[in-house]
Amino acid sequence: LRRMIFKSQEENETKIADRIREFIVEEARKEKIKHA
């Protein structure tokens, strides 16, 4: 059971990291448009 919990926690952290990366990319795109 503990291994399952740990595995799902790892997956959640991966999803969060992906979301943060998408957010950063989106913000960078907005900045580029602003400066263009």
C-alpha atoms as a PDB file:
ATOM      1  CA  LEU A   1       0.000   0.000   0.000  1.00  0.00           C
ATOM      2  CA  ARG A   2       2.767   2.436   0.904  1.00  0.00           C
ATOM      3  CA  ARG A   3       4.424   1.821  -2.468  1.00  0.00           C
ATOM      4  CA  MET A   4       1.169   2.687  -4.246  1.00  0.00           C
ATOM      5  CA  ILE A   5       0.844   5.915  -2.270  1.00  0.00           C
ATOM      6  CA  PHE A   6       4.452   6.804  -3.035  1.00  0.00           C
ATOM      7  CA  LYS A   7       3.930   6.059  -6.725  1.00  0.00           C
ATOM      8  CA  SER A   8       0.827   8.241  -6.965  1.00  0.00           C
ATOM      9  CA  GLN A   9       2.654  11.020  -5.108  1.00  0.00           C
ATOM     10  CA  GLU A  10       5.463  10.843  -7.677  1.00  0.00           C
ATOM     11  CA  GLU A  11       2.904  11.044 -10.488  1.00  0.00           C
ATOM     12  CA  ASN A  12       1.283  14.070  -8.858  1.00  0.00           C
ATOM     13  CA  GLU A  13       4.662  15.807  -8.573  1.00  0.00           C
ATOM     14  CA  THR A  14       5.304  15.083 -12.258  1.00  0.00           C
ATOM     15  CA  LYS A  15       1.924  16.563 -13.193  1.00  0.00           C
ATOM     16  CA  ILE A  16       2.630  19.638 -11.077  1.00  0.00           C
ATOM     17  CA  ALA A  17       6.051  20.059 -12.690  1.00  0.00           C
ATOM     18  CA  ASP A  18       4.480  19.783 -16.153  1.00  0.00           C
ATOM     19  CA  ARG A  19       1.862  22.379 -15.221  1.00  0.00           C
ATOM     20  CA  ILE A  20       4.543  24.757 -13.922  1.00  0.00           C
ATOM     21  CA  ARG A  21       6.556  24.274 -17.111  1.00  0.00           C
ATOM     22  CA  GLU A  22       3.475  25.003 -19.246  1.00  0.00           C
ATOM     23  CA  PHE A  23       2.775  28.104 -17.154  1.00  0.00           C
ATOM     24  CA  ILE A  24       6.351  29.366 -17.599  1.00  0.00           C
ATOM     25  CA  VAL A  25       6.203  28.771 -21.358  1.00  0.00           C
ATOM     26  CA  GLU A  26       2.883  30.619 -21.550  1.00  0.00           C
ATOM     27  CA  GLU A  27       4.225  33.554 -19.520  1.00  0.00           C
ATOM     28  CA  ALA A  28       7.353  33.708 -21.684  1.00  0.00           C
ATOM     29  CA  ARG A  29       5.161  33.809 -24.789  1.00  0.00           C
ATOM     30  CA  LYS A  30       3.148  36.701 -23.330  1.00  0.00           C
ATOM     31  CA  GLU A  31       6.371  38.559 -22.505  1.00  0.00           C
ATOM     32  CA  LYS A  32       7.667  38.073 -26.056  1.00  0.00           C
ATOM     33  CA  ILE A  33       4.417  39.425 -27.502  1.00  0.00           C
ATOM     34  CA  LYS A  34       4.609  42.394 -25.123  1.00  0.00           C
ATOM     35  CA  HIS A  35       8.189  43.237 -26.134  1.00  0.00           C
ATOM     36  CA  ALA A  36       7.720  42.590 -29.841  1.00  0.00           C
END
